[in-house]
Amino acid sequence: MPTVVEVVRCLQRLAPLELAESWDNVGLLVGDSERPVQRIMTCLTLSPDVVDEAAREQVNLIVTHHPLMFRKIQRITADSPDGRVLLQLIESKIAVYSSHTGYDSAAGGINQQLSELLELRDIAPLRPAECTVPTHLANPAATERENFAAPLAGAGRYGTLKSPERLADFIERVKRTLSVTRLQYVGDDEMQIQRVAVACGSAAEFATDATQRGCDLLLTGESRFHSCLEGRTNGLAMILTGHYASERFAMEQMARMLQESFPDTRVWASTNESDPIRWC
């Protein structure tokens, strides 16, 4: 039976903390690193219903994408939602780990997975990683002799489609790929799309990078109105899938990767978790 710290080492190979943004709160956030782990649950966000599921199922470790305690916490009491969640986690002896932007930017992380799901070719980071990460951490598939100046680690991704597609047709493919029935977009239905930028979550800040890379479209989870207006002005189409849809699939993949690494441990993605935003 693995301990929390052994699972943490595996998580840090999949998503090196060195790739996380400086403002992020990543790593083991709650718990005793020496405790044994029999049950692991992954999720996008630690909401009360997710914690209820973890407590009911006697989970030992939750791997969440979005960090708990993202902002400074000065007291832990039942008077606040975050306080109640933390108290329940501590009382249930559930450890919590977050990779967040380290997983976004990892060699096999969310943006890489999303680019591959969309069948992009010649995939590369929009912002290549500047940090020094051991080769086997930056790209687990690489050999020790390969140099991590790596084309696969870094923030965002861009690549090309096999052949140009109408924006309207590409939108339908995105819907099928991410199992969504509705999304928002910027651009003319008939415009031709071939070079595509991808940045999961709330990442319209990558619009400038996408334009500089000669991309026709930026796919992200959500964006402010003025960023969409700027994209339209610059001739950059945008697809907004919703924050949840742009990342949740990768936490399901994380559960599968952990299950392969720890076959004697039960691992699953939260079944209680759902998108808080409703579409009509």
C-alpha atoms as a PDB file:
ATOM      1  CA  MET A   1       0.000   0.000   0.000  1.00  0.00           C
ATOM      2  CA  PRO A   2       1.539   3.368  -0.993  1.00  0.00           C
ATOM      3  CA  THR A   3       1.846   6.307   1.358  1.00  0.00           C
ATOM      4  CA  VAL A   4       0.771   9.858   0.570  1.00  0.00           C
ATOM      5  CA  VAL A   5       4.361  10.862  -0.164  1.00  0.00           C
ATOM      6  CA  GLU A   6       4.786   8.017  -2.682  1.00  0.00           C
ATOM      7  CA  VAL A   7       1.693   9.165  -4.574  1.00  0.00           C
ATOM      8  CA  VAL A   8       2.970  12.748  -4.369  1.00  0.00           C
ATOM      9  CA  ARG A   9       6.243  11.702  -6.020  1.00  0.00           C
ATOM     10  CA  CYS A  10       4.265  10.139  -8.867  1.00  0.00           C
ATOM     11  CA  LEU A  11       2.138  13.280  -9.240  1.00  0.00           C
ATOM     12  CA  GLN A  12       5.263  15.412  -9.395  1.00  0.00           C
ATOM     13  CA  ARG A  13       6.606  13.272 -12.214  1.00  0.00           C
ATOM     14  CA  LEU A  14       3.341  13.744 -14.126  1.00  0.00           C
ATOM     15  CA  ALA A  15       3.131  17.472 -13.357  1.00  0.00           C
ATOM     16  CA  PRO A  16       6.418  18.978 -12.094  1.00  0.00           C
ATOM     17  CA  LEU A  17       5.868  21.744  -9.552  1.00  0.00           C
ATOM     18  CA  GLU A  18       8.663  23.682 -11.264  1.00  0.00           C
ATOM     19  CA  LEU A  19       6.259  24.278 -14.160  1.00  0.00           C
ATOM     20  CA  ALA A  20       3.620  25.933 -11.949  1.00  0.00           C
ATOM     21  CA  GLU A  21       3.163  29.694 -12.119  1.00  0.00           C
ATOM     22  CA  SER A  22       4.799  31.735  -9.343  1.00  0.00           C
ATOM     23  CA  TRP A  23       1.428  32.937  -8.024  1.00  0.00           C
ATOM     24  CA  ASP A  24       0.013  29.418  -7.746  1.00  0.00           C
ATOM     25  CA  ASN A  25      -0.508  27.296  -4.617  1.00  0.00           C
ATOM     26  CA  VAL A  26       0.521  23.768  -5.555  1.00  0.00           C
ATOM     27  CA  GLY A  27       1.725  20.599  -3.863  1.00  0.00           C
ATOM     28  CA  LEU A  28       0.468  18.813  -0.752  1.00  0.00           C
ATOM     29  CA  LEU A  29      -1.900  21.320   0.861  1.00  0.00           C
ATOM     30  CA  VAL A  30      -3.518  19.237   3.610  1.00  0.00           C
ATOM     31  CA  GLY A  31      -2.520  16.022   5.349  1.00  0.00           C
ATOM     32  CA  ASP A  32       0.183  13.747   6.701  1.00  0.00           C
ATOM     33  CA  SER A  33       2.637  12.626   4.005  1.00  0.00           C
ATOM     34  CA  GLU A  34       3.358   9.331   5.818  1.00  0.00           C
ATOM     35  CA  ARG A  35      -0.236   8.063   5.962  1.00  0.00           C
ATOM     36  CA  PRO A  36      -1.116   4.979   3.859  1.00  0.00           C
ATOM     37  CA  VAL A  37      -3.348   5.431   0.825  1.00  0.00           C
ATOM     38  CA  GLN A  38      -6.012   2.922  -0.191  1.00  0.00           C
ATOM     39  CA  ARG A  39      -8.410   5.245  -2.007  1.00  0.00           C
ATOM     40  CA  ILE A  40      -7.661   8.262  -4.211  1.00  0.00           C
ATOM     41  CA  MET A  41     -10.221  10.556  -5.791  1.00  0.00           C
ATOM     42  CA  THR A  42      -9.553  13.250  -8.399  1.00  0.00           C
ATOM     43  CA  CYS A  43     -11.641  16.340  -9.051  1.00  0.00           C
ATOM     44  CA  LEU A  44     -11.481  19.717 -10.723  1.00  0.00           C
ATOM     45  CA  THR A  45     -12.522  21.756  -7.664  1.00  0.00           C
ATOM     46  CA  LEU A  46     -12.961  20.923  -3.979  1.00  0.00           C
ATOM     47  CA  SER A  47     -16.615  21.832  -3.479  1.00  0.00           C
ATOM     48  CA  PRO A  48     -18.631  20.697  -0.427  1.00  0.00           C
ATOM     49  CA  ASP A  49     -20.413  17.957  -2.411  1.00  0.00           C
ATOM     50  CA  VAL A  50     -17.055  16.575  -3.583  1.00  0.00           C
ATOM     51  CA  VAL A  51     -15.732  16.518  -0.003  1.00  0.00           C
ATOM     52  CA  ASP A  52     -18.950  14.802   1.128  1.00  0.00           C
ATOM     53  CA  GLU A  53     -18.323  12.078  -1.456  1.00  0.00           C
ATOM     54  CA  ALA A  54     -14.715  11.682  -0.326  1.00  0.00           C
ATOM     55  CA  ALA A  55     -15.718  11.375   3.338  1.00  0.00           C
ATOM     56  CA  ARG A  56     -18.495   8.891   2.532  1.00  0.00           C
ATOM     57  CA  GLU A  57     -16.171   6.742   0.404  1.00  0.00           C
ATOM     58  CA  GLN A  58     -13.357   6.888   2.990  1.00  0.00           C
ATOM     59  CA  VAL A  59     -10.910   8.506   0.592  1.00  0.00           C
ATOM     60  CA  ASN A  60      -7.365   8.977   1.868  1.00  0.00           C
ATOM     61  CA  LEU A  61      -6.160  11.458  -0.778  1.00  0.00           C
ATOM     62  CA  ILE A  62      -7.953  13.928  -3.036  1.00  0.00           C
ATOM     63  CA  VAL A  63      -6.078  15.179  -6.088  1.00  0.00           C
ATOM     64  CA  THR A  64      -7.756  18.436  -7.054  1.00  0.00           C
ATOM     65  CA  HIS A  65      -6.832  20.669  -9.957  1.00  0.00           C
ATOM     66  CA  HIS A  66      -7.866  24.013  -8.479  1.00  0.00           C
ATOM     67  CA  PRO A  67      -6.013  24.632  -5.202  1.00  0.00           C
ATOM     68  CA  LEU A  68      -7.644  24.885  -1.843  1.00  0.00           C
ATOM     69  CA  MET A  69      -6.491  27.924   0.156  1.00  0.00           C
ATOM     70  CA  PHE A  70      -5.693  29.875  -2.992  1.00  0.00           C
ATOM     71  CA  ARG A  71      -6.023  33.097  -1.008  1.00  0.00           C
ATOM     72  CA  LYS A  72      -4.550  33.708   2.428  1.00  0.00           C
ATOM     73  CA  ILE A  73      -6.576  32.124   5.233  1.00  0.00           C
ATOM     74  CA  GLN A  74      -6.220  33.603   8.725  1.00  0.00           C
ATOM     75  CA  ARG A  75      -8.646  31.345  10.588  1.00  0.00           C
ATOM     76  CA  ILE A  76     -10.276  27.962  10.066  1.00  0.00           C
ATOM     77  CA  THR A  77     -13.798  27.910  11.498  1.00  0.00           C
ATOM     78  CA  ALA A  78     -17.188  26.579  10.477  1.00  0.00           C
ATOM     79  CA  ASP A  79     -18.328  30.174   9.871  1.00  0.00           C
ATOM     80  CA  SER A  80     -17.039  30.155   6.267  1.00  0.00           C
ATOM     81  CA  PRO A  81     -17.484  27.668   3.379  1.00  0.00           C
ATOM     82  CA  ASP A  82     -13.704  27.155   3.063  1.00  0.00           C
ATOM     83  CA  GLY A  83     -13.400  26.670   6.803  1.00  0.00           C
ATOM     84  CA  ARG A  84     -16.120  24.024   6.843  1.00  0.00           C
ATOM     85  CA  VAL A  85     -14.466  22.166   3.971  1.00  0.00           C
ATOM     86  CA  LEU A  86     -11.059  22.261   5.683  1.00  0.00           C
ATOM     87  CA  LEU A  87     -12.499  21.078   8.993  1.00  0.00           C
ATOM     88  CA  GLN A  88     -14.268  18.174   7.295  1.00  0.00           C
ATOM     89  CA  LEU A  89     -11.077  17.177   5.468  1.00  0.00           C
ATOM     90  CA  ILE A  90      -9.031  17.280   8.664  1.00  0.00           C
ATOM     91  CA  GLU A  91     -11.651  15.434  10.716  1.00  0.00           C
ATOM     92  CA  SER A  92     -11.871  12.737   8.005  1.00  0.00           C
ATOM     93  CA  LYS A  93      -8.051  12.540   7.720  1.00  0.00           C
ATOM     94  CA  ILE A  94      -8.179  13.248   3.988  1.00  0.00           C
ATOM     95  CA  ALA A  95      -5.010  14.618   2.387  1.00  0.00           C
ATOM     96  CA  VAL A  96      -5.290  17.109  -0.484  1.00  0.00           C
ATOM     97  CA  TYR A  97      -2.859  17.655  -3.347  1.00  0.00           C
ATOM     98  CA  SER A  98      -3.026  20.157  -6.223  1.00  0.00           C
ATOM     99  CA  SER A  99      -0.884  20.380  -9.378  1.00  0.00           C
ATOM    100  CA  HIS A 100      -2.921  23.159 -11.078  1.00  0.00           C
ATOM    101  CA  THR A 101      -0.760  25.187 -13.506  1.00  0.00           C
ATOM    102  CA  GLY A 102       2.000  22.581 -13.279  1.00  0.00           C
ATOM    103  CA  TYR A 103      -0.459  20.092 -14.799  1.00  0.00           C
ATOM    104  CA  ASP A 104      -1.649  22.678 -17.339  1.00  0.00           C
ATOM    105  CA  SER A 105       1.906  23.084 -18.655  1.00  0.00           C
ATOM    106  CA  ALA A 106       3.338  19.576 -18.204  1.00  0.00           C
ATOM    107  CA  ALA A 107       4.579  17.541 -21.150  1.00  0.00           C
ATOM    108  CA  GLY A 108       1.527  15.306 -20.901  1.00  0.00           C
ATOM    109  CA  GLY A 109      -0.671  17.843 -19.143  1.00  0.00           C
ATOM    110  CA  ILE A 110      -4.076  19.335 -19.842  1.00  0.00           C
ATOM    111  CA  ASN A 111      -3.185  21.538 -22.801  1.00  0.00           C
ATOM    112  CA  GLN A 112      -1.210  18.747 -24.450  1.00  0.00           C
ATOM    113  CA  GLN A 113      -4.081  16.303 -23.923  1.00  0.00           C
ATOM    114  CA  LEU A 114      -6.600  18.776 -25.314  1.00  0.00           C
ATOM    115  CA  SER A 115      -4.445  19.471 -28.374  1.00  0.00           C
ATOM    116  CA  GLU A 116      -4.151  15.755 -29.070  1.00  0.00           C
ATOM    117  CA  LEU A 117      -7.904  15.231 -28.619  1.00  0.00           C
ATOM    118  CA  LEU A 118      -8.442  17.901 -31.282  1.00  0.00           C
ATOM    119  CA  GLU A 119      -5.967  16.048 -33.534  1.00  0.00           C
ATOM    120  CA  LEU A 120      -3.558  18.951 -33.859  1.00  0.00           C
ATOM    121  CA  ARG A 121      -0.207  18.315 -35.498  1.00  0.00           C
ATOM    122  CA  ASP A 122       3.252  19.730 -34.739  1.00  0.00           C
ATOM    123  CA  ILE A 123       2.112  20.682 -31.240  1.00  0.00           C
ATOM    124  CA  ALA A 124       4.313  23.142 -29.331  1.00  0.00           C
ATOM    125  CA  PRO A 125       3.923  25.423 -26.286  1.00  0.00           C
ATOM    126  CA  LEU A 126       2.670  28.963 -26.755  1.00  0.00           C
ATOM    127  CA  ARG A 127       5.104  29.941 -23.999  1.00  0.00           C
ATOM    128  CA  PRO A 128       7.951  27.428 -23.695  1.00  0.00           C
ATOM    129  CA  ALA A 129       9.046  26.630 -20.143  1.00  0.00           C
ATOM    130  CA  GLU A 130      11.975  28.693 -18.924  1.00  0.00           C
ATOM    131  CA  CYS A 131      12.642  26.719 -15.753  1.00  0.00           C
ATOM    132  CA  THR A 132      15.130  23.895 -15.418  1.00  0.00           C
ATOM    133  CA  VAL A 133      13.390  20.582 -14.802  1.00  0.00           C
ATOM    134  CA  PRO A 134      15.081  17.154 -14.900  1.00  0.00           C
ATOM    135  CA  THR A 135      14.323  15.520 -18.232  1.00  0.00           C
ATOM    136  CA  HIS A 136      12.424  12.573 -16.763  1.00  0.00           C
ATOM    137  CA  LEU A 137      10.107  15.011 -14.937  1.00  0.00           C
ATOM    138  CA  ALA A 138       9.600  17.468 -17.779  1.00  0.00           C
ATOM    139  CA  ASN A 139       8.767  14.682 -20.203  1.00  0.00           C
ATOM    140  CA  PRO A 140       8.328  11.220 -18.639  1.00  0.00           C
ATOM    141  CA  ALA A 141       8.614   9.622 -22.085  1.00  0.00           C
ATOM    142  CA  ALA A 142      12.020  11.190 -22.772  1.00  0.00           C
ATOM    143  CA  THR A 143      15.333   9.398 -22.359  1.00  0.00           C
ATOM    144  CA  GLU A 144      17.945  10.644 -19.908  1.00  0.00           C
ATOM    145  CA  ARG A 145      20.165  11.755 -22.812  1.00  0.00           C
ATOM    146  CA  GLU A 146      17.562  14.101 -24.216  1.00  0.00           C
ATOM    147  CA  ASN A 147      17.876  17.758 -23.320  1.00  0.00           C
ATOM    148  CA  PHE A 148      14.941  19.469 -21.645  1.00  0.00           C
ATOM    149  CA  ALA A 149      14.796  22.549 -23.698  1.00  0.00           C
ATOM    150  CA  ALA A 150      11.815  20.495 -24.532  1.00  0.00           C
ATOM    151  CA  PRO A 151       9.244  21.307 -27.136  1.00  0.00           C
ATOM    152  CA  LEU A 152       6.473  19.808 -25.002  1.00  0.00           C
ATOM    153  CA  ALA A 153       6.711  21.593 -21.643  1.00  0.00           C
ATOM    154  CA  GLY A 154       5.346  25.110 -21.262  1.00  0.00           C
ATOM    155  CA  ALA A 155       2.150  27.149 -21.057  1.00  0.00           C
ATOM    156  CA  GLY A 156      -0.591  26.739 -23.660  1.00  0.00           C
ATOM    157  CA  ARG A 157      -0.222  24.874 -26.922  1.00  0.00           C
ATOM    158  CA  TYR A 158      -0.617  25.505 -30.627  1.00  0.00           C
ATOM    159  CA  GLY A 159      -0.623  23.241 -33.643  1.00  0.00           C
ATOM    160  CA  THR A 160      -2.124  22.722 -37.062  1.00  0.00           C
ATOM    161  CA  LEU A 161      -5.089  20.773 -38.333  1.00  0.00           C
ATOM    162  CA  LYS A 162      -4.539  18.157 -41.031  1.00  0.00           C
ATOM    163  CA  SER A 163      -6.437  20.410 -43.427  1.00  0.00           C
ATOM    164  CA  PRO A 164      -8.336  23.691 -43.085  1.00  0.00           C
ATOM    165  CA  GLU A 165     -11.848  23.509 -41.614  1.00  0.00           C
ATOM    166  CA  ARG A 166     -14.752  25.924 -41.533  1.00  0.00           C
ATOM    167  CA  LEU A 167     -15.101  27.452 -38.089  1.00  0.00           C
ATOM    168  CA  ALA A 168     -18.647  26.086 -37.882  1.00  0.00           C
ATOM    169  CA  ASP A 169     -17.408  22.541 -38.593  1.00  0.00           C
ATOM    170  CA  PHE A 170     -14.568  22.805 -36.088  1.00  0.00           C
ATOM    171  CA  ILE A 171     -17.008  24.011 -33.430  1.00  0.00           C
ATOM    172  CA  GLU A 172     -19.131  20.895 -33.915  1.00  0.00           C
ATOM    173  CA  ARG A 173     -16.028  18.732 -33.548  1.00  0.00           C
ATOM    174  CA  VAL A 174     -15.099  20.500 -30.307  1.00  0.00           C
ATOM    175  CA  LYS A 175     -18.612  19.871 -28.968  1.00  0.00           C
ATOM    176  CA  ARG A 176     -18.351  16.167 -29.724  1.00  0.00           C
ATOM    177  CA  THR A 177     -14.838  15.898 -28.288  1.00  0.00           C
ATOM    178  CA  LEU A 178     -15.708  17.577 -24.984  1.00  0.00           C
ATOM    179  CA  SER A 179     -19.275  16.254 -24.779  1.00  0.00           C
ATOM    180  CA  VAL A 180     -20.874  19.696 -24.604  1.00  0.00           C
ATOM    181  CA  THR A 181     -24.058  20.750 -26.351  1.00  0.00           C
ATOM    182  CA  ARG A 182     -23.454  24.501 -26.238  1.00  0.00           C
ATOM    183  CA  LEU A 183     -20.482  26.851 -26.237  1.00  0.00           C
ATOM    184  CA  GLN A 184     -19.622  30.459 -27.037  1.00  0.00           C
ATOM    185  CA  TYR A 185     -17.494  31.595 -29.946  1.00  0.00           C
ATOM    186  CA  VAL A 186     -16.127  34.612 -31.777  1.00  0.00           C
ATOM    187  CA  GLY A 187     -15.724  34.653 -35.547  1.00  0.00           C
ATOM    188  CA  ASP A 188     -17.481  34.045 -38.833  1.00  0.00           C
ATOM    189  CA  ASP A 189     -18.911  30.554 -39.359  1.00  0.00           C
ATOM    190  CA  GLU A 190     -17.362  30.367 -42.838  1.00  0.00           C
ATOM    191  CA  MET A 191     -13.833  31.441 -41.930  1.00  0.00           C
ATOM    192  CA  GLN A 192     -11.119  28.841 -42.495  1.00  0.00           C
ATOM    193  CA  ILE A 193      -9.285  27.477 -39.469  1.00  0.00           C
ATOM    194  CA  GLN A 194      -5.996  25.635 -39.664  1.00  0.00           C
ATOM    195  CA  ARG A 195      -3.585  26.808 -36.963  1.00  0.00           C
ATOM    196  CA  VAL A 196      -5.171  26.470 -33.515  1.00  0.00           C
ATOM    197  CA  ALA A 197      -4.044  27.675 -30.074  1.00  0.00           C
ATOM    198  CA  VAL A 198      -5.236  25.939 -26.901  1.00  0.00           C
ATOM    199  CA  ALA A 199      -5.196  27.284 -23.325  1.00  0.00           C
ATOM    200  CA  CYS A 200      -7.431  25.580 -20.769  1.00  0.00           C
ATOM    201  CA  GLY A 201      -9.404  27.345 -18.047  1.00  0.00           C
ATOM    202  CA  SER A 202      -9.654  31.124 -18.011  1.00  0.00           C
ATOM    203  CA  ALA A 203      -6.832  31.955 -20.413  1.00  0.00           C
ATOM    204  CA  ALA A 204      -7.794  34.652 -22.890  1.00  0.00           C
ATOM    205  CA  GLU A 205      -4.461  36.278 -21.949  1.00  0.00           C
ATOM    206  CA  PHE A 206      -2.939  33.886 -24.501  1.00  0.00           C
ATOM    207  CA  ALA A 207      -4.731  35.648 -27.380  1.00  0.00           C
ATOM    208  CA  THR A 208      -1.651  37.789 -28.042  1.00  0.00           C
ATOM    209  CA  ASP A 209       0.590  34.708 -28.050  1.00  0.00           C
ATOM    210  CA  ALA A 210      -1.805  32.973 -30.426  1.00  0.00           C
ATOM    211  CA  THR A 211      -1.764  35.924 -32.816  1.00  0.00           C
ATOM    212  CA  GLN A 212       2.030  36.101 -32.705  1.00  0.00           C
ATOM    213  CA  ARG A 213       2.196  32.391 -33.573  1.00  0.00           C
ATOM    214  CA  GLY A 214      -0.005  32.965 -36.614  1.00  0.00           C
ATOM    215  CA  CYS A 215      -3.004  31.110 -35.179  1.00  0.00           C
ATOM    216  CA  ASP A 216      -6.472  31.446 -36.656  1.00  0.00           C
ATOM    217  CA  LEU A 217      -8.242  30.469 -33.441  1.00  0.00           C
ATOM    218  CA  LEU A 218      -7.794  30.317 -29.672  1.00  0.00           C
ATOM    219  CA  LEU A 219      -9.722  27.688 -27.731  1.00  0.00           C
ATOM    220  CA  THR A 220     -10.074  28.357 -24.008  1.00  0.00           C
ATOM    221  CA  GLY A 221     -12.595  27.826 -21.231  1.00  0.00           C
ATOM    222  CA  GLU A 222     -13.825  31.347 -20.585  1.00  0.00           C
ATOM    223  CA  SER A 223     -12.991  34.953 -21.402  1.00  0.00           C
ATOM    224  CA  ARG A 224     -13.913  38.527 -20.550  1.00  0.00           C
ATOM    225  CA  PHE A 225     -16.037  40.462 -23.056  1.00  0.00           C
ATOM    226  CA  HIS A 226     -13.257  42.880 -23.956  1.00  0.00           C
ATOM    227  CA  SER A 227     -10.849  40.047 -24.726  1.00  0.00           C
ATOM    228  CA  CYS A 228     -13.407  38.603 -27.137  1.00  0.00           C
ATOM    229  CA  LEU A 229     -13.839  42.017 -28.728  1.00  0.00           C
ATOM    230  CA  GLU A 230     -10.077  42.339 -29.098  1.00  0.00           C
ATOM    231  CA  GLY A 231      -9.892  38.889 -30.678  1.00  0.00           C
ATOM    232  CA  ARG A 232     -12.541  39.793 -33.237  1.00  0.00           C
ATOM    233  CA  THR A 233     -10.753  43.067 -34.028  1.00  0.00           C
ATOM    234  CA  ASN A 234      -7.495  41.191 -34.618  1.00  0.00           C
ATOM    235  CA  GLY A 235      -9.129  38.529 -36.782  1.00  0.00           C
ATOM    236  CA  LEU A 236      -8.613  35.805 -34.174  1.00  0.00           C
ATOM    237  CA  ALA A 237     -11.542  33.420 -33.794  1.00  0.00           C
ATOM    238  CA  MET A 238     -12.208  32.171 -30.250  1.00  0.00           C
ATOM    239  CA  ILE A 239     -14.044  29.187 -28.827  1.00  0.00           C
ATOM    240  CA  LEU A 240     -15.137  29.293 -25.175  1.00  0.00           C
ATOM    241  CA  THR A 241     -16.063  25.807 -24.044  1.00  0.00           C
ATOM    242  CA  GLY A 242     -16.752  26.720 -20.431  1.00  0.00           C
ATOM    243  CA  HIS A 243     -14.087  26.431 -17.725  1.00  0.00           C
ATOM    244  CA  TYR A 244     -15.317  23.058 -16.486  1.00  0.00           C
ATOM    245  CA  ALA A 245     -15.399  21.404 -19.916  1.00  0.00           C
ATOM    246  CA  SER A 246     -11.911  22.618 -20.782  1.00  0.00           C
ATOM    247  CA  GLU A 247     -10.317  20.837 -17.806  1.00  0.00           C
ATOM    248  CA  ARG A 248     -12.509  18.182 -16.169  1.00  0.00           C
ATOM    249  CA  PHE A 249     -11.647  15.495 -18.757  1.00  0.00           C
ATOM    250  CA  ALA A 250      -7.985  15.765 -17.722  1.00  0.00           C
ATOM    251  CA  MET A 251      -8.805  14.960 -14.088  1.00  0.00           C
ATOM    252  CA  GLU A 252     -10.510  11.797 -15.331  1.00  0.00           C
ATOM    253  CA  GLN A 253      -7.303  11.055 -17.222  1.00  0.00           C
ATOM    254  CA  MET A 254      -5.306  11.783 -14.068  1.00  0.00           C
ATOM    255  CA  ALA A 255      -7.351   9.133 -12.247  1.00  0.00           C
ATOM    256  CA  ARG A 256      -6.554   6.613 -14.991  1.00  0.00           C
ATOM    257  CA  MET A 257      -2.820   7.416 -14.834  1.00  0.00           C
ATOM    258  CA  LEU A 258      -2.752   7.038 -11.055  1.00  0.00           C
ATOM    259  CA  GLN A 259      -4.662   3.761 -11.265  1.00  0.00           C
ATOM    260  CA  GLU A 260      -2.001   2.420 -13.642  1.00  0.00           C
ATOM    261  CA  SER A 261       0.762   3.540 -11.294  1.00  0.00           C
ATOM    262  CA  PHE A 262      -0.927   2.107  -8.173  1.00  0.00           C
ATOM    263  CA  PRO A 263      -2.963  -0.911  -9.329  1.00  0.00           C
ATOM    264  CA  ASP A 264      -3.735  -2.076  -5.782  1.00  0.00           C
ATOM    265  CA  THR A 265      -5.246   1.292  -4.862  1.00  0.00           C
ATOM    266  CA  ARG A 266      -8.780   2.284  -5.854  1.00  0.00           C
ATOM    267  CA  VAL A 267      -8.704   5.500  -7.913  1.00  0.00           C
ATOM    268  CA  TRP A 268     -11.601   7.358  -9.524  1.00  0.00           C
ATOM    269  CA  ALA A 269     -12.744  10.817 -10.610  1.00  0.00           C
ATOM    270  CA  SER A 270     -15.452  12.335  -8.410  1.00  0.00           C
ATOM    271  CA  THR A 271     -18.946  11.311  -9.454  1.00  0.00           C
ATOM    272  CA  ASN A 272     -20.546  14.122  -7.445  1.00  0.00           C
ATOM    273  CA  GLU A 273     -18.712  16.891  -9.284  1.00  0.00           C
ATOM    274  CA  SER A 274     -20.595  18.843 -11.945  1.00  0.00           C
ATOM    275  CA  ASP A 275     -20.383  22.131 -13.816  1.00  0.00           C
ATOM    276  CA  PRO A 276     -21.964  24.853 -11.636  1.00  0.00           C
ATOM    277  CA  ILE A 277     -22.874  26.837 -14.762  1.00  0.00           C
ATOM    278  CA  ARG A 278     -26.151  25.816 -16.427  1.00  0.00           C
ATOM    279  CA  TRP A 279     -26.872  26.388 -20.105  1.00  0.00           C
ATOM    280  CA  CYS A 280     -30.358  26.968 -21.497  1.00  0.00           C
END
